[in-house]
Amino acid sequence: MAKLTLTQFLTLDGVYQAPGGPEEDTRGGFDLGGWTVPYGDDDFGTFINEVYGRVGAFLLGRRTYEIFAGYWPKRTDPADPVASKLNSLPKYVASRTLESADWDGTTIIGSDLVQEVAALKERTNGEIQMHGSGVLARSLMTHDLIDTLHLIVFPVVLGKGLRFFAEGATPTAFRHTEARTTSTGAAIHTYELAGRPTYGSYA
């Protein structure tokens, strides 16, 4: 059975929208895209390469899939640790509106997303990775289907944009298992699913 992991970029105020460029995701008139770019360094690259080094398959939301499919197939260097995995391994895109997927190795799922992802985990070995795909991730977390969170928190506040842990998120407890900080100040935290929160009082 596979573990489902999520790598998510966040601002200090929890925004995940358009981390990679101004035109990446302009929903709601968002005009602050590309906020991770000034913080890219060797430490960040090392972590990303480590993550991709463990992958056996990918699960992506439609928007993230379309961004990736527009870029990574053009990167054909077999020594590229990210492109080589994205271009060669199975990719599952969750969408009820996408009619076709031209990127080699892609399967569209989504008619019964929860059951399909649970079944995908059962029949896959190793690690299924999600990158970005915030809407999909929030949906799957409601059903405790994501086992590991890699949250990369960048030292910037935007004050607007789509937030990852929005109002109405399912109360969930996690176990903190790893932390490191890049030379530019991005904090990388890894959490394992631990179930429901427990509560008490200091009184």
N, C-alpha and C. Protein backbone atom coordinates (compact mmCIF):
# COMPACT_ATOMS: atom_id res chain seq x y z
N MET A 1 0.85 -1.20 0.00
CA MET A 1 0.00 0.00 0.00
C MET A 1 0.88 1.24 0.00
N ALA A 2 0.52 2.21 -0.80
CA ALA A 2 1.31 3.43 -0.93
C ALA A 2 0.95 4.45 0.14
N LYS A 3 1.93 5.29 0.44
CA LYS A 3 1.71 6.47 1.27
C LYS A 3 1.43 7.65 0.34
N LEU A 4 0.43 8.45 0.68
CA LEU A 4 0.12 9.65 -0.10
C LEU A 4 0.71 10.86 0.61
N THR A 5 1.60 11.58 -0.07
CA THR A 5 2.24 12.73 0.53
C THR A 5 1.89 14.00 -0.25
N LEU A 6 1.92 15.12 0.45
CA LEU A 6 1.65 16.42 -0.17
C LEU A 6 2.80 17.36 0.13
N THR A 7 3.33 17.99 -0.90
CA THR A 7 4.31 19.07 -0.74
C THR A 7 3.62 20.37 -1.12
N GLN A 8 3.52 21.28 -0.16
CA GLN A 8 2.74 22.50 -0.37
C GLN A 8 3.56 23.72 0.02
N PHE A 9 3.59 24.73 -0.86
CA PHE A 9 4.25 26.01 -0.58
C PHE A 9 3.23 26.95 0.05
N LEU A 10 3.64 27.63 1.14
CA LEU A 10 2.74 28.53 1.85
C LEU A 10 3.45 29.82 2.22
N THR A 11 2.69 30.91 2.29
CA THR A 11 3.19 32.14 2.91
C THR A 11 2.96 32.07 4.42
N LEU A 12 3.49 33.02 5.15
CA LEU A 12 3.27 33.05 6.60
C LEU A 12 1.80 33.19 6.95
N ASP A 13 1.01 33.83 6.09
CA ASP A 13 -0.42 33.95 6.35
C ASP A 13 -1.23 32.88 5.62
N GLY A 14 -0.58 31.80 5.22
CA GLY A 14 -1.29 30.62 4.74
C GLY A 14 -1.72 30.61 3.30
N VAL A 15 -1.26 31.56 2.49
CA VAL A 15 -1.64 31.62 1.08
C VAL A 15 -0.84 30.58 0.29
N TYR A 16 -1.51 29.85 -0.59
CA TYR A 16 -0.82 28.89 -1.46
C TYR A 16 -0.94 29.25 -2.94
N GLN A 17 -1.64 30.31 -3.26
CA GLN A 17 -1.98 30.63 -4.64
C GLN A 17 -0.79 31.16 -5.41
N ALA A 18 -0.56 30.62 -6.61
CA ALA A 18 0.42 31.12 -7.58
C ALA A 18 1.81 31.31 -7.00
N PRO A 19 2.41 30.27 -6.43
CA PRO A 19 3.76 30.45 -5.87
C PRO A 19 4.84 30.64 -6.92
N GLY A 20 4.61 30.12 -8.15
CA GLY A 20 5.69 30.05 -9.12
C GLY A 20 5.76 31.14 -10.17
N GLY A 21 4.73 32.00 -10.28
CA GLY A 21 4.78 33.02 -11.31
C GLY A 21 3.53 33.87 -11.35
N PRO A 22 3.61 35.08 -11.92
CA PRO A 22 2.48 36.02 -11.92
C PRO A 22 1.23 35.50 -12.63
N GLU A 23 1.40 34.70 -13.66
CA GLU A 23 0.25 34.23 -14.44
C GLU A 23 -0.21 32.83 -14.06
N GLU A 24 0.40 32.25 -13.04
CA GLU A 24 0.14 30.86 -12.69
C GLU A 24 -1.30 30.62 -12.23
N ASP A 25 -1.83 31.52 -11.42
CA ASP A 25 -3.18 31.36 -10.89
C ASP A 25 -3.71 32.73 -10.49
N THR A 26 -4.53 33.32 -11.34
CA THR A 26 -5.03 34.68 -11.10
C THR A 26 -6.48 34.69 -10.62
N ARG A 27 -6.97 33.55 -10.12
CA ARG A 27 -8.34 33.51 -9.62
C ARG A 27 -8.58 34.63 -8.60
N GLY A 28 -9.76 35.25 -8.70
CA GLY A 28 -10.10 36.32 -7.77
C GLY A 28 -9.31 37.59 -8.00
N GLY A 29 -8.68 37.73 -9.16
CA GLY A 29 -7.89 38.92 -9.44
C GLY A 29 -6.54 38.92 -8.73
N PHE A 30 -6.06 37.75 -8.32
CA PHE A 30 -4.80 37.67 -7.57
C PHE A 30 -3.64 38.13 -8.46
N ASP A 31 -2.87 39.12 -7.96
CA ASP A 31 -1.81 39.72 -8.76
C ASP A 31 -0.46 39.70 -8.07
N LEU A 32 -0.28 38.76 -7.13
CA LEU A 32 0.97 38.69 -6.37
C LEU A 32 1.69 37.37 -6.60
N GLY A 33 1.46 36.74 -7.75
CA GLY A 33 2.06 35.44 -8.03
C GLY A 33 3.58 35.51 -8.18
N GLY A 34 4.22 34.39 -7.88
CA GLY A 34 5.67 34.29 -7.98
C GLY A 34 6.41 34.60 -6.70
N TRP A 35 5.72 34.50 -5.56
CA TRP A 35 6.29 34.91 -4.28
C TRP A 35 7.35 33.96 -3.73
N THR A 36 7.49 32.75 -4.28
CA THR A 36 8.56 31.85 -3.82
C THR A 36 9.89 32.14 -4.51
N VAL A 37 9.86 32.78 -5.67
CA VAL A 37 11.05 32.89 -6.51
C VAL A 37 12.23 33.53 -5.80
N PRO A 38 12.08 34.61 -5.03
CA PRO A 38 13.25 35.22 -4.39
C PRO A 38 13.92 34.32 -3.34
N TYR A 39 13.26 33.22 -2.96
CA TYR A 39 13.78 32.38 -1.89
C TYR A 39 14.36 31.06 -2.40
N GLY A 40 14.42 30.90 -3.72
CA GLY A 40 15.01 29.69 -4.28
C GLY A 40 16.51 29.66 -4.02
N ASP A 41 17.03 28.56 -3.47
CA ASP A 41 18.46 28.42 -3.20
C ASP A 41 18.82 26.94 -3.25
N ASP A 42 20.08 26.65 -2.99
CA ASP A 42 20.53 25.25 -3.04
C ASP A 42 19.84 24.39 -2.00
N ASP A 43 19.57 24.94 -0.82
CA ASP A 43 18.89 24.17 0.23
C ASP A 43 17.50 23.75 -0.22
N PHE A 44 16.78 24.68 -0.83
CA PHE A 44 15.45 24.39 -1.35
C PHE A 44 15.53 23.33 -2.44
N GLY A 45 16.48 23.48 -3.35
CA GLY A 45 16.64 22.51 -4.41
C GLY A 45 16.99 21.13 -3.90
N THR A 46 17.82 21.07 -2.87
CA THR A 46 18.18 19.78 -2.27
C THR A 46 16.96 19.07 -1.72
N PHE A 47 16.12 19.80 -1.01
CA PHE A 47 14.92 19.20 -0.44
C PHE A 47 13.99 18.69 -1.54
N ILE A 48 13.77 19.49 -2.55
CA ILE A 48 12.88 19.08 -3.65
C ILE A 48 13.42 17.83 -4.33
N ASN A 49 14.73 17.77 -4.55
CA ASN A 49 15.32 16.59 -5.18
C ASN A 49 15.15 15.35 -4.30
N GLU A 50 15.25 15.53 -2.98
CA GLU A 50 15.04 14.42 -2.06
C GLU A 50 13.60 13.89 -2.16
N VAL A 51 12.65 14.82 -2.22
CA VAL A 51 11.25 14.42 -2.31
C VAL A 51 11.00 13.63 -3.59
N TYR A 52 11.44 14.16 -4.72
CA TYR A 52 11.22 13.49 -6.00
C TYR A 52 11.98 12.17 -6.09
N GLY A 53 13.02 12.03 -5.30
CA GLY A 53 13.77 10.79 -5.30
C GLY A 53 13.01 9.62 -4.69
N ARG A 54 11.91 9.89 -4.00
CA ARG A 54 11.13 8.84 -3.35
C ARG A 54 9.85 8.49 -4.10
N VAL A 55 9.52 9.19 -5.15
CA VAL A 55 8.20 9.08 -5.76
C VAL A 55 8.03 7.82 -6.59
N GLY A 56 6.80 7.28 -6.57
CA GLY A 56 6.45 6.15 -7.42
C GLY A 56 5.34 6.49 -8.39
N ALA A 57 4.54 7.53 -8.06
CA ALA A 57 3.44 7.98 -8.91
C ALA A 57 3.02 9.36 -8.42
N PHE A 58 2.29 10.08 -9.27
CA PHE A 58 1.85 11.43 -8.94
C PHE A 58 0.32 11.51 -8.98
N LEU A 59 -0.23 12.30 -8.07
CA LEU A 59 -1.65 12.63 -8.06
C LEU A 59 -1.75 14.15 -8.05
N LEU A 60 -2.42 14.71 -9.06
CA LEU A 60 -2.46 16.16 -9.23
C LEU A 60 -3.87 16.65 -9.49
N GLY A 61 -4.17 17.86 -9.01
CA GLY A 61 -5.41 18.52 -9.38
C GLY A 61 -5.31 19.03 -10.81
N ARG A 62 -6.46 19.36 -11.39
CA ARG A 62 -6.47 19.76 -12.80
C ARG A 62 -5.59 20.98 -13.06
N ARG A 63 -5.70 22.01 -12.22
CA ARG A 63 -4.94 23.23 -12.47
C ARG A 63 -3.43 22.97 -12.38
N THR A 64 -3.01 22.25 -11.36
CA THR A 64 -1.58 21.94 -11.23
C THR A 64 -1.12 21.06 -12.37
N TYR A 65 -1.95 20.10 -12.75
CA TYR A 65 -1.60 19.23 -13.87
C TYR A 65 -1.36 20.05 -15.15
N GLU A 66 -2.24 20.99 -15.42
CA GLU A 66 -2.11 21.78 -16.65
C GLU A 66 -0.85 22.66 -16.61
N ILE A 67 -0.51 23.19 -15.43
CA ILE A 67 0.72 23.97 -15.29
C ILE A 67 1.93 23.07 -15.54
N PHE A 68 1.95 21.90 -14.90
CA PHE A 68 3.07 20.98 -15.05
C PHE A 68 3.18 20.48 -16.50
N ALA A 69 2.03 20.12 -17.10
CA ALA A 69 2.04 19.56 -18.45
C ALA A 69 2.49 20.59 -19.49
N GLY A 70 2.34 21.85 -19.17
CA GLY A 70 2.79 22.90 -20.09
C GLY A 70 4.27 23.18 -20.00
N TYR A 71 4.94 22.60 -19.00
CA TYR A 71 6.35 22.92 -18.77
C TYR A 71 7.26 21.71 -18.79
N TRP A 72 6.95 20.68 -17.98
CA TRP A 72 7.91 19.61 -17.76
C TRP A 72 8.15 18.69 -18.96
N PRO A 73 7.19 18.43 -19.83
CA PRO A 73 7.51 17.59 -20.99
C PRO A 73 8.59 18.19 -21.90
N LYS A 74 8.80 19.49 -21.80
CA LYS A 74 9.83 20.15 -22.60
C LYS A 74 11.22 19.97 -22.00
N ARG A 75 11.28 19.51 -20.76
CA ARG A 75 12.56 19.27 -20.09
C ARG A 75 12.92 17.80 -20.27
N THR A 76 13.83 17.52 -21.15
CA THR A 76 14.10 16.13 -21.56
C THR A 76 15.42 15.59 -21.06
N ASP A 77 16.14 16.32 -20.24
CA ASP A 77 17.42 15.85 -19.71
C ASP A 77 17.17 14.70 -18.74
N PRO A 78 17.64 13.48 -19.04
CA PRO A 78 17.39 12.36 -18.14
C PRO A 78 18.06 12.51 -16.79
N ALA A 79 19.01 13.42 -16.68
CA ALA A 79 19.68 13.65 -15.41
C ALA A 79 18.93 14.63 -14.52
N ASP A 80 17.90 15.27 -15.05
CA ASP A 80 17.09 16.21 -14.25
C ASP A 80 16.26 15.39 -13.27
N PRO A 81 16.48 15.53 -11.95
CA PRO A 81 15.81 14.66 -10.99
C PRO A 81 14.31 14.88 -10.88
N VAL A 82 13.83 16.03 -11.30
CA VAL A 82 12.39 16.30 -11.26
C VAL A 82 11.75 15.90 -12.59
N ALA A 83 12.26 16.43 -13.68
CA ALA A 83 11.68 16.16 -15.00
C ALA A 83 11.68 14.67 -15.33
N SER A 84 12.75 13.98 -14.99
CA SER A 84 12.84 12.56 -15.33
C SER A 84 11.74 11.76 -14.65
N LYS A 85 11.39 12.12 -13.41
CA LYS A 85 10.33 11.41 -12.70
C LYS A 85 8.95 11.81 -13.22
N LEU A 86 8.74 13.09 -13.43
CA LEU A 86 7.43 13.54 -13.90
C LEU A 86 7.11 13.01 -15.29
N ASN A 87 8.12 12.88 -16.12
CA ASN A 87 7.88 12.45 -17.50
C ASN A 87 7.79 10.94 -17.65
N SER A 88 8.30 10.19 -16.69
CA SER A 88 8.35 8.74 -16.86
C SER A 88 7.37 7.97 -15.98
N LEU A 89 6.96 8.54 -14.84
CA LEU A 89 6.13 7.80 -13.89
C LEU A 89 4.64 8.05 -14.12
N PRO A 90 3.79 7.15 -13.60
CA PRO A 90 2.34 7.34 -13.74
C PRO A 90 1.86 8.62 -13.09
N LYS A 91 0.95 9.30 -13.78
CA LYS A 91 0.35 10.54 -13.27
C LYS A 91 -1.16 10.37 -13.29
N TYR A 92 -1.80 10.70 -12.19
CA TYR A 92 -3.26 10.65 -12.07
C TYR A 92 -3.73 12.07 -11.84
N VAL A 93 -4.64 12.54 -12.68
CA VAL A 93 -5.17 13.89 -12.54
C VAL A 93 -6.63 13.79 -12.15
N ALA A 94 -6.97 14.45 -11.06
CA ALA A 94 -8.34 14.42 -10.53
C ALA A 94 -9.14 15.55 -11.16
N SER A 95 -10.10 15.20 -11.98
CA SER A 95 -10.92 16.21 -12.64
C SER A 95 -12.21 15.60 -13.16
N ARG A 96 -13.29 16.34 -13.02
CA ARG A 96 -14.55 15.93 -13.63
C ARG A 96 -14.82 16.69 -14.93
N THR A 97 -13.92 17.60 -15.29
CA THR A 97 -14.13 18.42 -16.49
C THR A 97 -13.08 18.20 -17.57
N LEU A 98 -11.92 17.69 -17.21
CA LEU A 98 -10.87 17.46 -18.19
C LEU A 98 -11.25 16.28 -19.08
N GLU A 99 -11.28 16.50 -20.37
CA GLU A 99 -11.74 15.47 -21.31
C GLU A 99 -10.61 14.59 -21.82
N SER A 100 -9.40 15.13 -21.89
CA SER A 100 -8.28 14.33 -22.38
C SER A 100 -7.00 14.84 -21.72
N ALA A 101 -5.99 13.98 -21.69
CA ALA A 101 -4.69 14.34 -21.10
C ALA A 101 -3.61 13.78 -22.02
N ASP A 102 -2.85 14.66 -22.66
CA ASP A 102 -1.89 14.26 -23.68
C ASP A 102 -0.52 13.89 -23.12
N TRP A 103 -0.24 14.26 -21.88
CA TRP A 103 1.06 13.96 -21.28
C TRP A 103 1.17 12.46 -21.07
N ASP A 104 2.21 11.85 -21.60
CA ASP A 104 2.38 10.40 -21.51
C ASP A 104 2.27 9.91 -20.07
N GLY A 105 1.55 8.82 -19.88
CA GLY A 105 1.45 8.21 -18.58
C GLY A 105 0.38 8.79 -17.69
N THR A 106 -0.53 9.59 -18.26
CA THR A 106 -1.55 10.27 -17.46
C THR A 106 -2.88 9.53 -17.54
N THR A 107 -3.52 9.38 -16.38
CA THR A 107 -4.86 8.82 -16.28
C THR A 107 -5.76 9.82 -15.57
N ILE A 108 -6.93 10.07 -16.12
CA ILE A 108 -7.90 10.97 -15.49
C ILE A 108 -8.78 10.17 -14.55
N ILE A 109 -8.92 10.65 -13.31
CA ILE A 109 -9.83 10.04 -12.35
C ILE A 109 -10.74 11.13 -11.81
N GLY A 110 -11.79 10.73 -11.07
CA GLY A 110 -12.61 11.78 -10.47
C GLY A 110 -14.09 11.51 -10.43
N SER A 111 -14.55 10.42 -11.01
CA SER A 111 -15.99 10.15 -10.96
C SER A 111 -16.44 9.87 -9.53
N ASP A 112 -15.60 9.20 -8.76
CA ASP A 112 -15.82 8.98 -7.32
C ASP A 112 -14.47 9.11 -6.65
N LEU A 113 -14.05 10.35 -6.43
CA LEU A 113 -12.67 10.67 -6.11
C LEU A 113 -12.17 9.96 -4.86
N VAL A 114 -12.95 9.98 -3.79
CA VAL A 114 -12.50 9.39 -2.54
C VAL A 114 -12.22 7.90 -2.71
N GLN A 115 -13.14 7.19 -3.32
CA GLN A 115 -12.95 5.76 -3.53
C GLN A 115 -11.80 5.49 -4.49
N GLU A 116 -11.67 6.30 -5.52
CA GLU A 116 -10.61 6.09 -6.50
C GLU A 116 -9.23 6.32 -5.89
N VAL A 117 -9.09 7.35 -5.06
CA VAL A 117 -7.79 7.61 -4.43
C VAL A 117 -7.47 6.53 -3.40
N ALA A 118 -8.47 6.12 -2.64
CA ALA A 118 -8.25 5.03 -1.68
C ALA A 118 -7.81 3.76 -2.40
N ALA A 119 -8.45 3.45 -3.53
CA ALA A 119 -8.08 2.27 -4.30
C ALA A 119 -6.69 2.42 -4.91
N LEU A 120 -6.36 3.62 -5.35
CA LEU A 120 -5.04 3.88 -5.92
C LEU A 120 -3.96 3.63 -4.88
N LYS A 121 -4.18 4.07 -3.66
CA LYS A 121 -3.23 3.82 -2.58
C LYS A 121 -3.09 2.32 -2.32
N GLU A 122 -4.18 1.60 -2.37
CA GLU A 122 -4.15 0.17 -2.09
C GLU A 122 -3.34 -0.61 -3.13
N ARG A 123 -3.44 -0.22 -4.39
CA ARG A 123 -2.82 -1.02 -5.44
C ARG A 123 -1.45 -0.51 -5.86
N THR A 124 -0.97 0.57 -5.23
CA THR A 124 0.32 1.15 -5.58
C THR A 124 1.32 0.93 -4.46
N ASN A 125 2.57 0.68 -4.83
CA ASN A 125 3.63 0.55 -3.83
C ASN A 125 4.45 1.84 -3.76
N GLY A 126 5.06 2.09 -2.62
CA GLY A 126 5.93 3.24 -2.49
C GLY A 126 5.19 4.50 -2.09
N GLU A 127 5.47 5.58 -2.80
CA GLU A 127 4.94 6.89 -2.43
C GLU A 127 4.23 7.55 -3.60
N ILE A 128 2.97 7.91 -3.39
CA ILE A 128 2.23 8.73 -4.35
C ILE A 128 2.36 10.17 -3.88
N GLN A 129 2.78 11.04 -4.76
CA GLN A 129 3.03 12.42 -4.36
C GLN A 129 2.06 13.39 -4.99
N MET A 130 1.61 14.33 -4.16
CA MET A 130 0.88 15.50 -4.63
C MET A 130 1.78 16.71 -4.46
N HIS A 131 1.74 17.61 -5.43
CA HIS A 131 2.49 18.86 -5.37
C HIS A 131 1.51 19.98 -5.66
N GLY A 132 1.38 20.91 -4.72
CA GLY A 132 0.37 21.95 -4.89
C GLY A 132 -1.02 21.34 -4.82
N SER A 133 -1.85 21.67 -5.81
CA SER A 133 -3.19 21.06 -5.90
C SER A 133 -3.99 21.28 -4.62
N GLY A 134 -4.04 22.53 -4.18
CA GLY A 134 -4.64 22.85 -2.88
C GLY A 134 -6.09 22.44 -2.73
N VAL A 135 -6.90 22.66 -3.75
CA VAL A 135 -8.33 22.31 -3.65
C VAL A 135 -8.48 20.80 -3.48
N LEU A 136 -7.75 20.04 -4.28
CA LEU A 136 -7.79 18.58 -4.17
C LEU A 136 -7.28 18.13 -2.81
N ALA A 137 -6.19 18.72 -2.35
CA ALA A 137 -5.61 18.33 -1.07
C ALA A 137 -6.58 18.55 0.07
N ARG A 138 -7.26 19.68 0.08
CA ARG A 138 -8.21 19.94 1.17
C ARG A 138 -9.34 18.92 1.14
N SER A 139 -9.78 18.54 -0.04
CA SER A 139 -10.84 17.55 -0.15
C SER A 139 -10.39 16.20 0.40
N LEU A 140 -9.17 15.79 0.06
CA LEU A 140 -8.67 14.50 0.50
C LEU A 140 -8.37 14.48 2.00
N MET A 141 -7.94 15.62 2.54
CA MET A 141 -7.67 15.67 3.98
C MET A 141 -8.95 15.49 4.79
N THR A 142 -10.07 15.91 4.24
CA THR A 142 -11.35 15.71 4.91
C THR A 142 -11.61 14.23 5.18
N HIS A 143 -11.04 13.37 4.34
CA HIS A 143 -11.25 11.92 4.46
C HIS A 143 -9.99 11.21 4.96
N ASP A 144 -9.03 11.98 5.52
CA ASP A 144 -7.79 11.41 6.09
C ASP A 144 -7.01 10.58 5.09
N LEU A 145 -7.01 10.99 3.82
CA LEU A 145 -6.33 10.22 2.79
C LEU A 145 -4.89 10.66 2.56
N ILE A 146 -4.51 11.83 3.07
CA ILE A 146 -3.12 12.28 2.94
C ILE A 146 -2.37 11.89 4.20
N ASP A 147 -1.30 11.13 4.04
CA ASP A 147 -0.56 10.61 5.18
C ASP A 147 0.51 11.55 5.68
N THR A 148 1.15 12.30 4.77
CA THR A 148 2.29 13.14 5.13
C THR A 148 2.15 14.51 4.48
N LEU A 149 2.41 15.56 5.25
CA LEU A 149 2.45 16.93 4.73
C LEU A 149 3.88 17.44 4.79
N HIS A 150 4.39 17.94 3.67
CA HIS A 150 5.62 18.71 3.65
C HIS A 150 5.20 20.16 3.40
N LEU A 151 5.21 20.98 4.43
CA LEU A 151 4.81 22.38 4.30
C LEU A 151 6.05 23.25 4.26
N ILE A 152 6.24 23.94 3.14
CA ILE A 152 7.38 24.86 3.00
C ILE A 152 6.83 26.27 3.17
N VAL A 153 7.17 26.88 4.30
CA VAL A 153 6.62 28.19 4.66
C VAL A 153 7.66 29.27 4.36
N PHE A 154 7.30 30.16 3.43
CA PHE A 154 8.21 31.21 2.99
C PHE A 154 8.00 32.47 3.83
N PRO A 155 9.06 33.22 4.13
CA PRO A 155 8.96 34.36 5.03
C PRO A 155 8.37 35.60 4.35
N VAL A 156 7.12 35.49 3.96
CA VAL A 156 6.44 36.60 3.30
C VAL A 156 4.96 36.55 3.66
N VAL A 157 4.36 37.70 3.86
CA VAL A 157 2.92 37.85 4.10
C VAL A 157 2.33 38.61 2.91
N LEU A 158 1.25 38.07 2.35
CA LEU A 158 0.64 38.71 1.18
C LEU A 158 -0.65 39.45 1.51
N GLY A 159 -1.38 38.98 2.50
CA GLY A 159 -2.60 39.66 2.90
C GLY A 159 -3.81 39.37 2.04
N LYS A 160 -3.62 38.60 0.98
CA LYS A 160 -4.75 38.18 0.15
C LYS A 160 -4.35 36.94 -0.62
N GLY A 161 -5.33 36.28 -1.19
CA GLY A 161 -5.07 35.06 -1.94
C GLY A 161 -5.73 33.87 -1.29
N LEU A 162 -5.75 32.74 -1.99
CA LEU A 162 -6.38 31.53 -1.48
C LEU A 162 -5.54 30.93 -0.37
N ARG A 163 -6.19 30.63 0.75
CA ARG A 163 -5.48 30.09 1.91
C ARG A 163 -5.70 28.59 2.01
N PHE A 164 -4.65 27.89 2.39
CA PHE A 164 -4.69 26.44 2.40
C PHE A 164 -5.60 25.90 3.50
N PHE A 165 -5.38 26.32 4.72
CA PHE A 165 -6.23 25.90 5.83
C PHE A 165 -7.31 26.95 6.03
N ALA A 166 -8.34 26.84 5.22
CA ALA A 166 -9.41 27.84 5.23
C ALA A 166 -10.44 27.51 6.31
N GLU A 167 -11.32 28.45 6.56
CA GLU A 167 -12.44 28.25 7.49
C GLU A 167 -13.22 27.00 7.09
N GLY A 168 -13.51 26.16 8.06
CA GLY A 168 -14.27 24.96 7.79
C GLY A 168 -13.43 23.72 7.57
N ALA A 169 -12.10 23.84 7.68
CA ALA A 169 -11.23 22.67 7.53
C ALA A 169 -11.55 21.65 8.62
N THR A 170 -11.41 20.37 8.29
CA THR A 170 -11.68 19.30 9.24
C THR A 170 -10.64 19.32 10.36
N PRO A 171 -11.06 19.36 11.62
CA PRO A 171 -10.10 19.30 12.73
C PRO A 171 -9.24 18.03 12.63
N THR A 172 -7.94 18.20 12.56
CA THR A 172 -7.03 17.08 12.34
C THR A 172 -5.75 17.31 13.14
N ALA A 173 -5.24 16.25 13.73
CA ALA A 173 -3.97 16.31 14.46
C ALA A 173 -2.87 15.70 13.62
N PHE A 174 -1.66 16.25 13.75
CA PHE A 174 -0.49 15.75 13.05
C PHE A 174 0.67 15.59 14.02
N ARG A 175 1.62 14.75 13.64
CA ARG A 175 2.84 14.56 14.42
C ARG A 175 3.99 15.17 13.64
N HIS A 176 4.71 16.11 14.26
CA HIS A 176 5.81 16.80 13.59
C HIS A 176 7.04 15.89 13.59
N THR A 177 7.58 15.59 12.39
CA THR A 177 8.65 14.61 12.29
C THR A 177 9.98 15.16 11.78
N GLU A 178 9.97 16.33 11.15
CA GLU A 178 11.23 16.85 10.61
C GLU A 178 11.10 18.34 10.38
N ALA A 179 12.22 19.05 10.53
CA ALA A 179 12.25 20.49 10.26
C ALA A 179 13.64 20.89 9.80
N ARG A 180 13.67 21.81 8.87
CA ARG A 180 14.93 22.42 8.46
C ARG A 180 14.62 23.81 7.92
N THR A 181 15.64 24.66 7.84
CA THR A 181 15.46 26.02 7.33
C THR A 181 16.49 26.27 6.23
N THR A 182 16.03 26.84 5.13
CA THR A 182 16.94 27.12 4.02
C THR A 182 17.74 28.38 4.30
N SER A 183 18.75 28.64 3.49
CA SER A 183 19.61 29.81 3.69
C SER A 183 18.85 31.11 3.51
N THR A 184 17.72 31.07 2.76
CA THR A 184 16.93 32.28 2.53
C THR A 184 15.77 32.41 3.51
N GLY A 185 15.64 31.47 4.44
CA GLY A 185 14.64 31.59 5.50
C GLY A 185 13.35 30.85 5.29
N ALA A 186 13.27 30.01 4.28
CA ALA A 186 12.08 29.17 4.12
C ALA A 186 12.14 28.03 5.14
N ALA A 187 11.05 27.83 5.87
CA ALA A 187 11.00 26.79 6.90
C ALA A 187 10.27 25.57 6.35
N ILE A 188 10.95 24.44 6.35
CA ILE A 188 10.40 23.21 5.80
C ILE A 188 10.01 22.29 6.96
N HIS A 189 8.72 21.99 7.07
CA HIS A 189 8.22 21.15 8.16
C HIS A 189 7.50 19.93 7.58
N THR A 190 7.75 18.79 8.16
CA THR A 190 7.09 17.55 7.76
C THR A 190 6.21 17.06 8.89
N TYR A 191 4.98 16.70 8.55
CA TYR A 191 3.99 16.25 9.53
C TYR A 191 3.38 14.93 9.07
N GLU A 192 3.14 14.02 10.01
CA GLU A 192 2.46 12.76 9.73
C GLU A 192 1.06 12.81 10.34
N LEU A 193 0.09 12.27 9.62
CA LEU A 193 -1.28 12.24 10.10
C LEU A 193 -1.36 11.49 11.42
N ALA A 194 -2.05 12.08 12.41
CA ALA A 194 -2.15 11.46 13.73
C ALA A 194 -3.59 11.28 14.20
N GLY A 195 -4.57 11.67 13.40
CA GLY A 195 -5.96 11.46 13.78
C GLY A 195 -6.67 12.75 14.15
N ARG A 196 -7.56 12.66 15.10
CA ARG A 196 -8.34 13.82 15.53
C ARG A 196 -7.62 14.53 16.69
N PRO A 197 -7.79 15.84 16.81
CA PRO A 197 -7.21 16.56 17.94
C PRO A 197 -7.82 16.12 19.26
N THR A 198 -7.06 16.27 20.33
CA THR A 198 -7.59 16.11 21.68
C THR A 198 -7.58 17.47 22.35
N TYR A 199 -8.40 17.64 23.35
CA TYR A 199 -8.60 18.97 23.95
C TYR A 199 -8.52 18.87 25.47
N GLY A 200 -8.19 19.98 26.08
CA GLY A 200 -8.09 20.03 27.54
C GLY A 200 -8.24 21.45 28.03
N SER A 201 -7.82 21.68 29.23
CA SER A 201 -7.93 23.01 29.83
C SER A 201 -6.75 23.24 30.76
N TYR A 202 -6.24 24.48 30.78
CA TYR A 202 -5.18 24.86 31.71
C TYR A 202 -5.75 25.36 33.04
N ALA A 203 -7.06 25.42 33.11
CA ALA A 203 -7.69 25.93 34.34
C ALA A 203 -7.51 24.93 35.48
